[in-house]
């Protein structure tokens, strides 16, 4: 997992502009809402990278390699940005209702998805 900082933060009397990412190649963008107490993910990808930008909520993210030898737990909140790398099992437990944006480095192919159950 790679935790990112916004590449740009700008605020004036009109509001705020936050630069989420300005590098890499992203092919799919998703908006996700999840209710408190619910889990998403608990899978991994062999080749796809995923970027997440938390819009609102408190989310616990567990990351482990596919051999499950070590699990790291992170807590993310509004404004946090991170990338999940290939072969990292990732599970999201929403501590509160949450909203986030998800970008994928490859489109999910319905006939042959790069999506593997942990």
Protein backbone atom coordinates (compact mmCIF):
# COMPACT_ATOMS: atom_id res chain seq x y z
CA UNK A 1 0.00 0.00 0.00
CA UNK A 2 1.10 3.50 -0.75
CA UNK A 3 -0.38 6.42 1.20
CA UNK A 4 -0.41 9.65 -0.81
CA UNK A 5 -0.71 13.33 -0.06
CA UNK A 6 -2.62 15.70 -2.27
CA UNK A 7 -0.28 17.14 -4.89
CA UNK A 8 -2.10 20.45 -4.62
CA UNK A 9 -4.11 22.20 -1.93
CA UNK A 10 -5.62 25.56 -2.76
CA UNK A 11 -8.24 27.55 -0.92
CA UNK A 12 -9.72 30.98 -1.40
CA UNK A 13 -13.05 32.72 -0.79
CA UNK A 14 -14.75 30.44 -3.36
CA UNK A 15 -13.78 27.20 -1.61
CA UNK A 16 -11.14 24.49 -1.91
CA UNK A 17 -9.35 22.71 -4.73
CA UNK A 18 -7.58 19.50 -3.74
CA UNK A 19 -5.33 17.79 -6.30
CA UNK A 20 -5.84 14.07 -5.76
CA UNK A 21 -3.33 12.64 -8.27
CA UNK A 22 -1.45 13.89 -11.32
CA UNK A 23 0.48 10.79 -12.37
CA UNK A 24 -0.18 7.26 -13.55
CA UNK A 25 -2.72 5.91 -15.97
CA UNK A 26 -6.24 5.25 -14.73
CA UNK A 27 -8.93 3.53 -16.82
CA UNK A 28 -11.97 3.24 -14.57
CA UNK A 29 -13.47 5.59 -11.99
CA UNK A 30 -16.15 4.57 -9.48
CA UNK A 31 -18.13 6.36 -6.78
CA UNK A 32 -18.91 4.14 -3.78
CA UNK A 33 -21.24 4.54 -0.80
CA UNK A 34 -21.15 2.02 2.03
CA UNK A 35 -23.20 1.88 5.21
CA UNK A 36 -21.70 1.74 8.71
CA UNK A 37 -20.70 -1.75 9.79
CA UNK A 38 -20.53 -3.13 6.25
CA UNK A 39 -17.49 -4.64 4.52
CA UNK A 40 -16.28 -4.25 0.95
CA UNK A 41 -13.36 -5.81 -0.83
CA UNK A 42 -11.64 -8.75 0.84
CA UNK A 43 -10.11 -9.58 -2.51
CA UNK A 44 -6.98 -8.87 -4.52
CA UNK A 45 -5.94 -8.18 -8.09
CA UNK A 46 -3.02 -9.77 -9.92
CA UNK A 47 -2.21 -6.76 -12.11
CA UNK A 48 -4.62 -3.91 -11.30
CA UNK A 49 -3.70 -1.00 -9.03
CA UNK A 50 -6.49 0.86 -7.21
CA UNK A 51 -6.47 4.44 -5.97
CA UNK A 52 -8.94 5.50 -3.28
CA UNK A 53 -9.97 9.02 -2.26
CA UNK A 54 -12.16 9.19 0.85
CA UNK A 55 -14.94 11.76 0.53
CA UNK A 56 -16.52 11.13 3.92
CA UNK A 57 -16.64 8.59 6.72
CA UNK A 58 -14.25 6.51 8.80
CA UNK A 59 -12.92 3.37 7.15
CA UNK A 60 -10.67 0.64 8.53
CA UNK A 61 -8.58 -0.94 5.77
CA UNK A 62 -6.75 -4.24 6.26
CA UNK A 63 -3.93 -4.98 3.82
CA UNK A 64 -2.01 -8.24 3.57
CA UNK A 65 0.04 -10.06 0.94
CA UNK A 66 -1.70 -13.04 -0.65
CA UNK A 67 0.27 -15.41 1.61
CA UNK A 68 -1.36 -13.60 4.59
CA UNK A 69 1.91 -13.66 6.54
CA UNK A 70 1.42 -10.10 7.77
CA UNK A 71 -1.65 -7.88 7.99
CA UNK A 72 -1.48 -4.12 8.42
CA UNK A 73 -4.51 -2.11 9.48
CA UNK A 74 -5.00 1.53 8.54
CA UNK A 75 -7.72 4.04 9.43
CA UNK A 76 -8.74 6.49 6.73
CA UNK A 77 -10.97 9.56 6.90
CA UNK A 78 -12.24 12.41 4.73
CA UNK A 79 -9.53 13.65 2.36
CA UNK A 80 -7.21 10.63 2.65
CA UNK A 81 -5.69 9.19 -0.53
CA UNK A 82 -4.04 5.79 -0.96
CA UNK A 83 -3.15 3.17 -3.56
CA UNK A 84 -3.58 -0.58 -3.18
CA UNK A 85 -0.99 -2.47 -5.22
CA UNK A 86 -1.46 -5.78 -7.07
CA UNK A 87 -1.33 -8.93 -4.92
CA UNK A 88 -2.44 -7.03 -1.79
CA UNK A 89 -5.58 -8.42 -0.18
CA UNK A 90 -7.65 -5.42 0.81
CA UNK A 91 -10.74 -5.37 3.01
CA UNK A 92 -12.68 -2.26 3.98
CA UNK A 93 -14.85 -2.07 7.10
CA UNK A 94 -16.83 1.13 7.34
CA UNK A 95 -16.98 2.41 10.90
CA UNK A 96 -19.48 5.06 9.78
CA UNK A 97 -21.46 5.60 6.60
CA UNK A 98 -18.79 6.37 4.01
CA UNK A 99 -18.33 7.67 0.49
CA UNK A 100 -15.26 7.38 -1.68
CA UNK A 101 -13.88 7.55 -5.20
CA UNK A 102 -12.05 4.53 -6.62
CA UNK A 103 -9.80 4.58 -9.70
CA UNK A 104 -8.48 1.42 -11.35
CA UNK A 105 -5.42 1.08 -13.57
CA UNK A 106 -7.41 -1.31 -15.81
CA UNK A 107 -11.10 -1.65 -16.58
CA UNK A 108 -12.80 -4.60 -14.94
CA UNK A 109 -13.52 -7.06 -17.74
CA UNK A 110 -16.80 -8.80 -16.89
CA UNK A 111 -15.76 -11.96 -18.77
CA UNK A 112 -12.28 -12.15 -17.25
CA UNK A 113 -12.02 -9.82 -14.23
CA UNK A 114 -8.72 -9.31 -12.45
CA UNK A 115 -10.53 -9.99 -9.18
CA UNK A 116 -9.67 -12.86 -6.84
CA UNK A 117 -11.35 -13.84 -3.60
CA UNK A 118 -9.09 -13.79 -0.60
